[in-house]
Amino acid sequence: MSTVKEAVEVDVPVHTAYNQWTQFEEFPNFMEGVEEVTQLDAQHNHWTTKIAGVRREFDTEIVDQLADERITWRTTTGDTQQKGTVRFERLDDSHTKVELVMEVEPSGAAEKVADMVGTVDRRVKGDMRRFKQYIEQHGEESGAWRGRIRPGDSSDPGDSAGPLL
Protein backbone atom coordinates (compact mmCIF):
# COMPACT_ATOMS: atom_id res chain seq x y z
CA MET A 1 0.00 0.00 0.00
CA SER A 2 1.35 3.43 -0.95
CA THR A 3 0.89 6.54 1.16
CA VAL A 4 0.33 9.87 -0.51
CA LYS A 5 0.46 13.13 1.43
CA GLU A 6 -0.21 16.64 0.14
CA ALA A 7 -1.18 19.95 1.70
CA VAL A 8 -2.29 23.27 0.26
CA GLU A 9 -3.01 26.62 1.81
CA VAL A 10 -6.29 28.06 0.59
CA ASP A 11 -7.33 31.69 0.83
CA VAL A 12 -10.71 31.04 2.44
CA PRO A 13 -11.84 30.58 6.06
CA VAL A 14 -11.66 27.07 7.52
CA HIS A 15 -15.45 26.62 7.49
CA THR A 16 -15.59 27.48 3.77
CA ALA A 17 -12.87 24.97 2.85
CA TYR A 18 -14.41 22.27 5.03
CA ASN A 19 -17.96 22.91 3.82
CA GLN A 20 -16.89 22.64 0.17
CA TRP A 21 -15.05 19.39 0.80
CA THR A 22 -18.28 17.89 2.19
CA GLN A 23 -19.88 18.40 -1.24
CA PHE A 24 -18.63 15.08 -2.60
CA GLU A 25 -20.72 15.28 -5.77
CA GLU A 26 -18.65 18.35 -6.75
CA PHE A 27 -15.36 16.38 -6.71
CA PRO A 28 -15.34 15.81 -10.51
CA ASN A 29 -14.91 19.61 -10.84
CA PHE A 30 -11.38 19.40 -9.42
CA MET A 31 -10.36 15.73 -9.19
CA GLU A 32 -8.78 14.34 -12.33
CA GLY A 33 -10.17 10.98 -13.35
CA VAL A 34 -13.24 11.22 -11.12
CA GLU A 35 -16.26 11.01 -13.40
CA GLU A 36 -19.00 10.94 -10.77
CA VAL A 37 -19.56 10.75 -7.03
CA THR A 38 -23.05 9.95 -5.79
CA GLN A 39 -23.75 10.60 -2.13
CA LEU A 40 -25.90 7.72 -0.93
CA ASP A 41 -26.38 8.93 2.65
CA ALA A 42 -24.44 10.84 5.30
CA GLN A 43 -21.71 8.18 5.47
CA HIS A 44 -21.62 6.54 2.04
CA ASN A 45 -20.60 7.59 -1.47
CA HIS A 46 -20.47 5.72 -4.77
CA TRP A 47 -17.55 6.67 -7.04
CA THR A 48 -17.01 6.22 -10.77
CA THR A 49 -13.47 6.90 -11.97
CA LYS A 50 -11.67 6.52 -15.26
CA ILE A 51 -7.90 6.59 -15.08
CA ALA A 52 -5.66 5.66 -18.00
CA GLY A 53 -8.69 4.26 -19.80
CA VAL A 54 -9.65 1.96 -16.91
CA ARG A 55 -13.10 2.58 -15.41
CA ARG A 56 -13.60 1.63 -11.78
CA GLU A 57 -16.61 1.86 -9.50
CA PHE A 58 -16.37 1.60 -5.75
CA ASP A 59 -18.06 2.70 -2.55
CA THR A 60 -16.60 4.62 0.36
CA GLU A 61 -17.67 4.98 3.95
CA ILE A 62 -16.91 7.99 6.13
CA VAL A 63 -15.72 6.63 9.45
CA ASP A 64 -14.89 9.89 11.25
CA GLN A 65 -16.04 13.41 10.50
CA LEU A 66 -15.72 16.50 12.67
CA ALA A 67 -16.74 19.89 11.26
CA ASP A 68 -13.84 22.20 10.40
CA GLU A 69 -11.28 19.56 11.46
CA ARG A 70 -11.28 16.27 9.56
CA ILE A 71 -12.97 13.70 7.36
CA THR A 72 -11.71 10.10 7.37
CA TRP A 73 -12.92 7.45 4.92
CA ARG A 74 -12.25 3.96 3.59
CA THR A 75 -13.41 1.96 0.60
CA THR A 76 -16.00 -0.72 1.27
CA THR A 77 -16.60 -2.27 -2.17
CA GLY A 78 -14.92 -2.55 -5.55
CA ASP A 79 -11.39 -3.25 -6.79
CA THR A 80 -10.03 0.05 -5.47
CA GLN A 81 -8.66 -0.19 -1.92
CA GLN A 82 -7.92 3.07 -0.16
CA LYS A 83 -8.34 4.93 3.06
CA GLY A 84 -7.45 8.42 4.08
CA THR A 85 -8.00 11.58 6.04
CA VAL A 86 -8.33 15.18 4.99
CA ARG A 87 -7.58 17.69 7.76
CA PHE A 88 -8.43 21.37 7.92
CA GLU A 89 -6.29 23.74 9.97
CA ARG A 90 -7.29 27.35 10.56
CA LEU A 91 -4.29 29.57 9.89
CA ASP A 92 -6.14 32.85 10.41
CA ASP A 93 -9.59 34.26 9.67
CA SER A 94 -9.17 33.92 5.90
CA HIS A 95 -6.57 31.17 5.36
CA THR A 96 -6.75 27.42 5.85
CA LYS A 97 -4.30 24.56 5.47
CA VAL A 98 -5.94 21.52 3.86
CA GLU A 99 -3.89 18.33 4.24
CA LEU A 100 -4.73 15.02 2.59
CA VAL A 101 -3.11 11.74 3.64
CA MET A 102 -4.24 8.71 1.67
CA GLU A 103 -3.21 5.07 1.49
CA VAL A 104 -3.88 3.36 -1.85
CA GLU A 105 -3.48 -0.29 -2.80
CA PRO A 106 -3.09 -0.58 -6.59
CA SER A 107 -5.34 -3.35 -7.91
CA GLY A 108 -4.16 -4.22 -11.42
CA ALA A 109 -0.86 -4.40 -13.28
CA ALA A 110 -1.32 -0.96 -14.87
CA GLU A 111 -2.17 0.59 -11.50
CA LYS A 112 0.87 -1.03 -9.85
CA VAL A 113 3.19 0.37 -12.53
CA ALA A 114 1.54 3.79 -12.29
CA ASP A 115 2.04 3.73 -8.53
CA MET A 116 5.72 2.76 -8.85
CA VAL A 117 6.44 5.68 -11.21
CA GLY A 118 4.64 8.21 -8.99
CA THR A 119 1.46 8.74 -11.01
CA VAL A 120 -0.82 8.46 -7.95
CA ASP A 121 1.28 10.97 -6.02
CA ARG A 122 1.25 13.48 -8.92
CA ARG A 123 -2.48 13.06 -9.40
CA VAL A 124 -3.24 13.79 -5.73
CA LYS A 125 -0.94 16.83 -5.77
CA GLY A 126 -2.76 18.10 -8.87
CA ASP A 127 -6.16 17.46 -7.30
CA MET A 128 -5.20 19.49 -4.25
CA ARG A 129 -3.97 22.39 -6.42
CA ARG A 130 -7.23 22.25 -8.38
CA PHE A 131 -9.25 22.25 -5.13
CA LYS A 132 -7.38 25.40 -4.09
CA GLN A 133 -8.21 27.07 -7.42
CA TYR A 134 -11.80 25.85 -7.30
CA ILE A 135 -12.63 27.16 -3.81
CA GLU A 136 -10.69 30.41 -4.22
CA GLN A 137 -12.40 31.21 -7.55
CA HIS A 138 -15.83 30.59 -6.05
CA GLY A 139 -14.99 32.31 -2.77
CA GLU A 140 -17.78 30.46 -1.01
CA GLU A 141 -18.91 26.89 -0.64
CA SER A 142 -21.61 25.39 -2.86
CA GLY A 143 -23.19 23.68 0.17
CA ALA A 144 -22.31 22.23 3.54
CA TRP A 145 -22.76 19.25 5.80
CA ARG A 146 -21.88 19.96 9.41
CA GLY A 147 -22.87 16.67 11.05
CA ARG A 148 -20.67 14.53 13.26
CA ILE A 149 -19.73 10.95 12.45
CA ARG A 150 -17.76 9.07 15.08
CA PRO A 151 -15.73 5.91 14.60
CA GLY A 152 -18.06 2.99 15.24
CA ASP A 153 -21.24 4.86 14.26
CA SER A 154 -23.73 2.62 12.54
CA SER A 155 -24.27 2.84 8.79
CA ASP A 156 -27.38 4.92 9.45
CA PRO A 157 -26.39 7.72 11.85
CA GLY A 158 -29.88 9.23 11.65
CA ASP A 159 -30.55 12.45 13.48
CA SER A 160 -27.19 12.39 15.30
CA ALA A 161 -25.43 13.18 12.03
CA GLY A 162 -27.83 15.91 10.94
CA PRO A 163 -29.36 16.57 7.56
CA LEU A 164 -27.61 16.64 4.22
CA LEU A 165 -27.60 20.18 2.86
C-alpha atoms as a PDB file:
ATOM      1  CA  MET A   1       0.000   0.000   0.000  1.00  0.00           C
ATOM      2  CA  SER A   2       1.348   3.427  -0.947  1.00  0.00           C
ATOM      3  CA  THR A   3       0.894   6.539   1.160  1.00  0.00           C
ATOM      4  CA  VAL A   4       0.333   9.873  -0.512  1.00  0.00           C
ATOM      5  CA  LYS A   5       0.455  13.127   1.426  1.00  0.00           C
ATOM      6  CA  GLU A   6      -0.205  16.636   0.138  1.00  0.00           C
ATOM      7  CA  ALA A   7      -1.176  19.953   1.701  1.00  0.00           C
ATOM      8  CA  VAL A   8      -2.293  23.271   0.258  1.00  0.00           C
ATOM      9  CA  GLU A   9      -3.009  26.623   1.807  1.00  0.00           C
ATOM     10  CA  VAL A  10      -6.295  28.059   0.586  1.00  0.00           C
ATOM     11  CA  ASP A  11      -7.329  31.687   0.826  1.00  0.00           C
ATOM     12  CA  VAL A  12     -10.713  31.039   2.438  1.00  0.00           C
ATOM     13  CA  PRO A  13     -11.843  30.579   6.057  1.00  0.00           C
ATOM     14  CA  VAL A  14     -11.662  27.072   7.517  1.00  0.00           C
ATOM     15  CA  HIS A  15     -15.453  26.623   7.492  1.00  0.00           C
ATOM     16  CA  THR A  16     -15.594  27.483   3.772  1.00  0.00           C
ATOM     17  CA  ALA A  17     -12.870  24.971   2.847  1.00  0.00           C
ATOM     18  CA  TYR A  18     -14.414  22.270   5.031  1.00  0.00           C
ATOM     19  CA  ASN A  19     -17.959  22.906   3.818  1.00  0.00           C
ATOM     20  CA  GLN A  20     -16.895  22.640   0.174  1.00  0.00           C
ATOM     21  CA  TRP A  21     -15.052  19.388   0.805  1.00  0.00           C
ATOM     22  CA  THR A  22     -18.284  17.888   2.190  1.00  0.00           C
ATOM     23  CA  GLN A  23     -19.882  18.400  -1.242  1.00  0.00           C
ATOM     24  CA  PHE A  24     -18.635  15.082  -2.597  1.00  0.00           C
ATOM     25  CA  GLU A  25     -20.719  15.278  -5.773  1.00  0.00           C
ATOM     26  CA  GLU A  26     -18.653  18.352  -6.748  1.00  0.00           C
ATOM     27  CA  PHE A  27     -15.358  16.375  -6.708  1.00  0.00           C
ATOM     28  CA  PRO A  28     -15.336  15.814 -10.513  1.00  0.00           C
ATOM     29  CA  ASN A  29     -14.913  19.607 -10.837  1.00  0.00           C
ATOM     30  CA  PHE A  30     -11.380  19.398  -9.422  1.00  0.00           C
ATOM     31  CA  MET A  31     -10.357  15.732  -9.188  1.00  0.00           C
ATOM     32  CA  GLU A  32      -8.778  14.344 -12.335  1.00  0.00           C
ATOM     33  CA  GLY A  33     -10.170  10.977 -13.346  1.00  0.00           C
ATOM     34  CA  VAL A  34     -13.236  11.221 -11.123  1.00  0.00           C
ATOM     35  CA  GLU A  35     -16.257  11.012 -13.396  1.00  0.00           C
ATOM     36  CA  GLU A  36     -19.001  10.940 -10.768  1.00  0.00           C
ATOM     37  CA  VAL A  37     -19.563  10.755  -7.028  1.00  0.00           C
ATOM     38  CA  THR A  38     -23.052   9.953  -5.786  1.00  0.00           C
ATOM     39  CA  GLN A  39     -23.748  10.603  -2.129  1.00  0.00           C
ATOM     40  CA  LEU A  40     -25.903   7.720  -0.928  1.00  0.00           C
ATOM     41  CA  ASP A  41     -26.382   8.927   2.650  1.00  0.00           C
ATOM     42  CA  ALA A  42     -24.441  10.836   5.303  1.00  0.00           C
ATOM     43  CA  GLN A  43     -21.714   8.177   5.471  1.00  0.00           C
ATOM     44  CA  HIS A  44     -21.620   6.536   2.039  1.00  0.00           C
ATOM     45  CA  ASN A  45     -20.603   7.589  -1.473  1.00  0.00           C
ATOM     46  CA  HIS A  46     -20.471   5.722  -4.774  1.00  0.00           C
ATOM     47  CA  TRP A  47     -17.551   6.672  -7.035  1.00  0.00           C
ATOM     48  CA  THR A  48     -17.008   6.223 -10.766  1.00  0.00           C
ATOM     49  CA  THR A  49     -13.469   6.899 -11.971  1.00  0.00           C
ATOM     50  CA  LYS A  50     -11.667   6.516 -15.265  1.00  0.00           C
ATOM     51  CA  ILE A  51      -7.900   6.586 -15.081  1.00  0.00           C
ATOM     52  CA  ALA A  52      -5.658   5.656 -18.001  1.00  0.00           C
ATOM     53  CA  GLY A  53      -8.692   4.264 -19.798  1.00  0.00           C
ATOM     54  CA  VAL A  54      -9.646   1.964 -16.905  1.00  0.00           C
ATOM     55  CA  ARG A  55     -13.097   2.583 -15.406  1.00  0.00           C
ATOM     56  CA  ARG A  56     -13.605   1.632 -11.782  1.00  0.00           C
ATOM     57  CA  GLU A  57     -16.612   1.858  -9.496  1.00  0.00           C
ATOM     58  CA  PHE A  58     -16.367   1.604  -5.748  1.00  0.00           C
ATOM     59  CA  ASP A  59     -18.059   2.702  -2.553  1.00  0.00           C
ATOM     60  CA  THR A  60     -16.597   4.617   0.359  1.00  0.00           C
ATOM     61  CA  GLU A  61     -17.671   4.979   3.952  1.00  0.00           C
ATOM     62  CA  ILE A  62     -16.911   7.989   6.125  1.00  0.00           C
ATOM     63  CA  VAL A  63     -15.722   6.626   9.452  1.00  0.00           C
ATOM     64  CA  ASP A  64     -14.891   9.885  11.246  1.00  0.00           C
ATOM     65  CA  GLN A  65     -16.037  13.413  10.496  1.00  0.00           C
ATOM     66  CA  LEU A  66     -15.724  16.498  12.669  1.00  0.00           C
ATOM     67  CA  ALA A  67     -16.737  19.890  11.264  1.00  0.00           C
ATOM     68  CA  ASP A  68     -13.837  22.201  10.396  1.00  0.00           C
ATOM     69  CA  GLU A  69     -11.281  19.564  11.463  1.00  0.00           C
ATOM     70  CA  ARG A  70     -11.282  16.272   9.555  1.00  0.00           C
ATOM     71  CA  ILE A  71     -12.972  13.697   7.364  1.00  0.00           C
ATOM     72  CA  THR A  72     -11.714  10.096   7.372  1.00  0.00           C
ATOM     73  CA  TRP A  73     -12.917   7.446   4.923  1.00  0.00           C
ATOM     74  CA  ARG A  74     -12.248   3.961   3.587  1.00  0.00           C
ATOM     75  CA  THR A  75     -13.411   1.959   0.598  1.00  0.00           C
ATOM     76  CA  THR A  76     -15.997  -0.725   1.271  1.00  0.00           C
ATOM     77  CA  THR A  77     -16.603  -2.266  -2.173  1.00  0.00           C
ATOM     78  CA  GLY A  78     -14.917  -2.547  -5.550  1.00  0.00           C
ATOM     79  CA  ASP A  79     -11.388  -3.249  -6.787  1.00  0.00           C
ATOM     80  CA  THR A  80     -10.033   0.052  -5.468  1.00  0.00           C
ATOM     81  CA  GLN A  81      -8.660  -0.186  -1.918  1.00  0.00           C
ATOM     82  CA  GLN A  82      -7.923   3.072  -0.164  1.00  0.00           C
ATOM     83  CA  LYS A  83      -8.338   4.933   3.064  1.00  0.00           C
ATOM     84  CA  GLY A  84      -7.453   8.420   4.078  1.00  0.00           C
ATOM     85  CA  THR A  85      -8.002  11.576   6.043  1.00  0.00           C
ATOM     86  CA  VAL A  86      -8.327  15.179   4.989  1.00  0.00           C
ATOM     87  CA  ARG A  87      -7.582  17.689   7.755  1.00  0.00           C
ATOM     88  CA  PHE A  88      -8.433  21.370   7.918  1.00  0.00           C
ATOM     89  CA  GLU A  89      -6.289  23.739   9.971  1.00  0.00           C
ATOM     90  CA  ARG A  90      -7.293  27.347  10.557  1.00  0.00           C
ATOM     91  CA  LEU A  91      -4.286  29.570   9.887  1.00  0.00           C
ATOM     92  CA  ASP A  92      -6.136  32.852  10.411  1.00  0.00           C
ATOM     93  CA  ASP A  93      -9.593  34.262   9.671  1.00  0.00           C
ATOM     94  CA  SER A  94      -9.174  33.921   5.900  1.00  0.00           C
ATOM     95  CA  HIS A  95      -6.572  31.172   5.358  1.00  0.00           C
ATOM     96  CA  THR A  96      -6.751  27.418   5.853  1.00  0.00           C
ATOM     97  CA  LYS A  97      -4.297  24.560   5.468  1.00  0.00           C
ATOM     98  CA  VAL A  98      -5.936  21.519   3.857  1.00  0.00           C
ATOM     99  CA  GLU A  99      -3.885  18.328   4.243  1.00  0.00           C
ATOM    100  CA  LEU A 100      -4.734  15.015   2.594  1.00  0.00           C
ATOM    101  CA  VAL A 101      -3.113  11.735   3.641  1.00  0.00           C
ATOM    102  CA  MET A 102      -4.244   8.711   1.675  1.00  0.00           C
ATOM    103  CA  GLU A 103      -3.211   5.066   1.491  1.00  0.00           C
ATOM    104  CA  VAL A 104      -3.880   3.360  -1.846  1.00  0.00           C
ATOM    105  CA  GLU A 105      -3.479  -0.289  -2.799  1.00  0.00           C
ATOM    106  CA  PRO A 106      -3.088  -0.575  -6.586  1.00  0.00           C
ATOM    107  CA  SER A 107      -5.343  -3.350  -7.909  1.00  0.00           C
ATOM    108  CA  GLY A 108      -4.155  -4.216 -11.420  1.00  0.00           C
ATOM    109  CA  ALA A 109      -0.864  -4.405 -13.283  1.00  0.00           C
ATOM    110  CA  ALA A 110      -1.318  -0.961 -14.870  1.00  0.00           C
ATOM    111  CA  GLU A 111      -2.169   0.592 -11.496  1.00  0.00           C
ATOM    112  CA  LYS A 112       0.870  -1.025  -9.855  1.00  0.00           C
ATOM    113  CA  VAL A 113       3.190   0.367 -12.527  1.00  0.00           C
ATOM    114  CA  ALA A 114       1.541   3.794 -12.289  1.00  0.00           C
ATOM    115  CA  ASP A 115       2.038   3.731  -8.535  1.00  0.00           C
ATOM    116  CA  MET A 116       5.717   2.763  -8.851  1.00  0.00           C
ATOM    117  CA  VAL A 117       6.440   5.676 -11.210  1.00  0.00           C
ATOM    118  CA  GLY A 118       4.643   8.212  -8.988  1.00  0.00           C
ATOM    119  CA  THR A 119       1.462   8.742 -11.007  1.00  0.00           C
ATOM    120  CA  VAL A 120      -0.816   8.464  -7.955  1.00  0.00           C
ATOM    121  CA  ASP A 121       1.281  10.970  -6.021  1.00  0.00           C
ATOM    122  CA  ARG A 122       1.251  13.475  -8.918  1.00  0.00           C
ATOM    123  CA  ARG A 123      -2.485  13.056  -9.397  1.00  0.00           C
ATOM    124  CA  VAL A 124      -3.243  13.794  -5.729  1.00  0.00           C
ATOM    125  CA  LYS A 125      -0.942  16.830  -5.770  1.00  0.00           C
ATOM    126  CA  GLY A 126      -2.758  18.097  -8.872  1.00  0.00           C
ATOM    127  CA  ASP A 127      -6.159  17.462  -7.304  1.00  0.00           C
ATOM    128  CA  MET A 128      -5.202  19.489  -4.246  1.00  0.00           C
ATOM    129  CA  ARG A 129      -3.968  22.394  -6.421  1.00  0.00           C
ATOM    130  CA  ARG A 130      -7.233  22.246  -8.380  1.00  0.00           C
ATOM    131  CA  PHE A 131      -9.248  22.246  -5.126  1.00  0.00           C
ATOM    132  CA  LYS A 132      -7.378  25.403  -4.091  1.00  0.00           C
ATOM    133  CA  GLN A 133      -8.206  27.072  -7.420  1.00  0.00           C
ATOM    134  CA  TYR A 134     -11.805  25.851  -7.295  1.00  0.00           C
ATOM    135  CA  ILE A 135     -12.629  27.158  -3.815  1.00  0.00           C
ATOM    136  CA  GLU A 136     -10.695  30.408  -4.224  1.00  0.00           C
ATOM    137  CA  GLN A 137     -12.395  31.207  -7.546  1.00  0.00           C
ATOM    138  CA  HIS A 138     -15.829  30.586  -6.054  1.00  0.00           C
ATOM    139  CA  GLY A 139     -14.994  32.313  -2.773  1.00  0.00           C
ATOM    140  CA  GLU A 140     -17.779  30.459  -1.005  1.00  0.00           C
ATOM    141  CA  GLU A 141     -18.909  26.890  -0.637  1.00  0.00           C
ATOM    142  CA  SER A 142     -21.614  25.391  -2.860  1.00  0.00           C
ATOM    143  CA  GLY A 143     -23.190  23.680   0.169  1.00  0.00           C
ATOM    144  CA  ALA A 144     -22.310  22.227   3.537  1.00  0.00           C
ATOM    145  CA  TRP A 145     -22.760  19.253   5.796  1.00  0.00           C
ATOM    146  CA  ARG A 146     -21.877  19.959   9.408  1.00  0.00           C
ATOM    147  CA  GLY A 147     -22.875  16.673  11.046  1.00  0.00           C
ATOM    148  CA  ARG A 148     -20.667  14.526  13.261  1.00  0.00           C
ATOM    149  CA  ILE A 149     -19.730  10.945  12.450  1.00  0.00           C
ATOM    150  CA  ARG A 150     -17.759   9.068  15.085  1.00  0.00           C
ATOM    151  CA  PRO A 151     -15.733   5.909  14.600  1.00  0.00           C
ATOM    152  CA  GLY A 152     -18.061   2.994  15.241  1.00  0.00           C
ATOM    153  CA  ASP A 153     -21.239   4.859  14.258  1.00  0.00           C
ATOM    154  CA  SER A 154     -23.728   2.617  12.538  1.00  0.00           C
ATOM    155  CA  SER A 155     -24.272   2.836   8.792  1.00  0.00           C
ATOM    156  CA  ASP A 156     -27.378   4.924   9.450  1.00  0.00           C
ATOM    157  CA  PRO A 157     -26.388   7.723  11.846  1.00  0.00           C
ATOM    158  CA  GLY A 158     -29.882   9.229  11.648  1.00  0.00           C
ATOM    159  CA  ASP A 159     -30.548  12.452  13.482  1.00  0.00           C
ATOM    160  CA  SER A 160     -27.195  12.391  15.299  1.00  0.00           C
ATOM    161  CA  ALA A 161     -25.426  13.177  12.032  1.00  0.00           C
ATOM    162  CA  GLY A 162     -27.832  15.906  10.942  1.00  0.00           C
ATOM    163  CA  PRO A 163     -29.363  16.567   7.560  1.00  0.00           C
ATOM    164  CA  LEU A 164     -27.609  16.639   4.217  1.00  0.00           C
ATOM    165  CA  LEU A 165     -27.600  20.183   2.857  1.00  0.00           C
END
